[in-house]
Amino acid sequence: MTYRGKWYFRAVNYAIIGLFLVVTMIPVHVVVSNSFRPTLQIREMPPRIIFTPTLSHFRGLLEYDNFLNYFRNSIVISVSVTCITLVLGSLAAYSLKLFKSRLGERLSNLLLLGKLAHSAMSLPFVIWLMAGFVRDLPDELLESARVEGATRMQTFSKIIFPMLTPAAASAVVLVMQASWNELMFSLQLTNVYTYPLTVGIARYVGAVSVDWGKSSVAATIAMVSIITVGFLMQRYLVTGMTAGAVKS
């Protein structure tokens, strides 16, 4: 293929990627910009590209509404769910590594079916995810730890789990995102004192009207929070922790 042909295909690839990026970012831009627009300008069609930003929606949300309690409840729920599923999922994956059998291998694949029930059922997915990483760890690690006199739990806590950082980071991002965005269980199992962000945002959508300003501010804060978690975990997602663990 000539240089001109390579340049053409490269330009097409960049154009397609740019198109998908624009389509993806349009809803985000609308939500973020509406959080700074005056109320009357939010309903204007077509919307103004240049406008004078206002913080009135932020003040109304943070000073007069119960938004901070919603935010705190979401943090407590998502962090608790993430920690519980990560610990239990890692231990379950480790047990599948220790007790090898054909049934165990099939079970680790069937556990993914439990994810179809609801985002709150994150544990089956975490077990399936962690089991794939644990299965690839060399058996020599377990053998050398056993020779050194380490118990199975000591092997897990000091050797196995520290090497599962990429899998743990993936689990943290995916489980926290699912818990952060969960709505159905929150509507049924919480009350006015324990409502998370998703329920709080839904309360701005009425049967007759929608408070676009406050709902946009709440959605913006929710998006920024979970995106921040993804950026914090990013460097762990691409780090191979097993390199050089077993010397030849």
Foldseek 3Di string as FASTA:
>chain_A
DDPVVVVVVVVVVVVVVVVVVVVVCPVVVLLQVLLFAPPVQNPDPPHDPDDDGDNPLVCCPPPPHPQVLQAVLLVVQLVVLLVVLLVVLLVLLLVCQVDPDPVSVVVLVVLVVQCVPALSSLNSVLNNLNNVVLNPADCVLVVVCVVVPHDSVRSCVPPVVVQCQLSSLVSSLSSSVRSSQDDPVLVVPHDPSNNHLNVVLVVQDDPVDHPSNNSSVSVSVSVVVSVVSCVVSVVSNPDRRCPPVDDD
